[in-house]
Every structure is written in structure tokens, then in C-alpha cells.
Amino acid sequence: MQIQKRDGKVARQILTAMIVDQTVLSHIAAVWDQRLFKSQWCNLVGDWCVSYFKRYGKPPGKAIESRFESWASKRRDEDTTKIVERFLSGLSDE
């Protein structure tokens, strides 16, 4: 049996496109399921993107940072907050 390793690169590329590309986000928003990705962090950020799109009709772009800050301010678990912050930082590097 062969085991396939997945690094989540494709999911991260899709999520990055959701943050910055209106066409990609509009297509995904039409069929969004909060369990679309295997990663809970991808699903969390994806949900932020879809919510933003439904409200403003465009991708969040840099506004994703303020969405994170709002989410983080309501969390008591600093470890989880740091994980999501590093995740978003990694997306921005890509």
C-alpha cells in the first residue's frame, strides 16, 4: 500500500485566491460548505471570506486581518489564536 503525503498546498492556494480574487470567491461562495477543506483553519478563514463577500460583494483582501483581530479578541485560548495568526501569515507569504 502506498501512502500519499499531502502538504495542503492546493488548499492554501485556493484559500489565498478566495482572499484576493473576486471571480474565485464568487464561484466558491455559491457552493460554500464550512467543511470544504480538510483543515479547520482553512475552513475558518474560508468562512470569513465568504461572509465578507456576501456582505460587501468583493473579496476581503487586507480586511482579512481585521476579521482575524475581531475573532482573536473573542478567544481565550492564546495557543489557537497564535496558530491561526501563523497560518494567515503563511498565506500572506505565498
Protein backbone atom coordinates (compact mmCIF):
# COMPACT_ATOMS: atom_id res chain seq x y z
CA MET A 1 0.00 0.00 0.00
CA GLN A 2 1.31 3.43 -0.94
CA ILE A 3 0.75 6.37 1.38
CA GLN A 4 0.28 9.75 -0.21
CA LYS A 5 1.56 12.76 1.67
CA ARG A 6 -0.41 15.95 1.29
CA ASP A 7 1.01 19.26 2.29
CA GLY A 8 -2.18 21.29 1.84
CA LYS A 9 -0.55 23.42 -0.84
CA VAL A 10 -3.57 23.30 -3.17
CA ALA A 11 -5.96 24.19 -0.35
CA ARG A 12 -3.73 27.09 0.62
CA GLN A 13 -3.63 28.32 -2.99
CA ILE A 14 -7.42 28.17 -3.21
CA LEU A 15 -7.78 29.99 0.08
CA THR A 16 -5.31 32.66 -0.99
CA ALA A 17 -7.34 33.14 -4.17
CA MET A 18 -10.51 33.43 -2.08
CA ILE A 19 -8.91 36.26 -0.13
CA VAL A 20 -7.85 38.29 -3.16
CA ASP A 21 -9.76 37.20 -6.29
CA GLN A 22 -13.40 38.13 -6.81
CA THR A 23 -14.05 35.55 -9.54
CA VAL A 24 -12.69 32.66 -7.50
CA LEU A 25 -14.50 33.77 -4.35
CA SER A 26 -17.83 34.30 -6.12
CA HIS A 27 -17.76 30.77 -7.53
CA ILE A 28 -16.81 29.20 -4.22
CA ALA A 29 -19.27 31.31 -2.22
CA ALA A 30 -22.10 29.95 -4.36
CA VAL A 31 -21.38 26.41 -3.16
CA TRP A 32 -19.66 27.11 0.17
CA ASP A 33 -19.75 24.39 2.79
CA GLN A 34 -17.99 25.10 6.08
CA ARG A 35 -16.31 21.70 5.77
CA LEU A 36 -14.97 22.19 2.25
CA PHE A 37 -11.34 21.90 3.31
CA LYS A 38 -9.76 19.20 5.45
CA SER A 39 -8.04 21.86 7.57
CA GLN A 40 -10.15 23.57 10.21
CA TRP A 41 -8.04 26.70 9.76
CA CYS A 42 -8.73 26.77 6.01
CA ASN A 43 -12.43 26.38 6.74
CA LEU A 44 -12.34 29.16 9.32
CA VAL A 45 -10.62 31.64 7.01
CA GLY A 46 -12.74 30.47 4.07
CA ASP A 47 -15.86 31.19 6.08
CA TRP A 48 -14.56 34.70 6.83
CA CYS A 49 -14.02 35.24 3.09
CA VAL A 50 -17.49 34.02 2.12
CA SER A 51 -19.16 36.10 4.85
CA TYR A 52 -17.26 39.18 3.73
CA PHE A 53 -18.17 38.53 0.10
CA LYS A 54 -21.87 38.11 0.91
CA ARG A 55 -21.83 41.40 2.81
CA TYR A 56 -19.65 43.57 0.54
CA GLY A 57 -19.65 41.77 -2.84
CA LYS A 58 -15.87 41.59 -3.03
CA PRO A 59 -13.03 39.55 -1.54
CA PRO A 60 -11.66 40.72 1.80
CA GLY A 61 -8.05 41.29 0.73
CA LYS A 62 -6.25 43.07 3.57
CA ALA A 63 -9.53 43.29 5.54
CA ILE A 64 -8.93 39.64 6.44
CA GLU A 65 -6.51 40.97 9.06
CA SER A 66 -9.23 42.95 10.83
CA ARG A 67 -11.51 39.91 10.68
CA PHE A 68 -8.79 37.88 12.37
CA GLU A 69 -8.28 40.57 15.02
CA SER A 70 -12.00 40.62 15.76
CA TRP A 71 -12.07 36.82 16.02
CA ALA A 72 -8.91 36.74 18.16
CA SER A 73 -10.26 39.33 20.60
CA LYS A 74 -13.09 36.94 21.48
CA ARG A 75 -10.79 33.95 22.14
CA ARG A 76 -9.33 33.00 25.46
CA ASP A 77 -7.09 30.32 24.01
CA GLU A 78 -3.88 32.11 23.04
CA ASP A 79 -2.39 28.95 21.52
CA THR A 80 -5.23 28.67 18.99
CA THR A 81 -5.02 32.37 18.24
CA LYS A 82 -1.28 32.07 17.55
CA ILE A 83 -1.84 29.06 15.29
CA VAL A 84 -4.37 30.97 13.17
CA GLU A 85 -2.12 34.03 13.13
CA ARG A 86 0.81 31.95 11.84
CA PHE A 87 -1.49 30.29 9.31
CA LEU A 88 -2.62 33.66 7.94
CA SER A 89 0.95 34.92 7.92
CA GLY A 90 1.97 31.89 5.87
CA LEU A 91 -0.80 32.60 3.37
CA SER A 92 0.36 36.17 3.03
CA ASP A 93 3.91 34.98 2.35
CA GLU A 94 2.60 32.90 -0.55
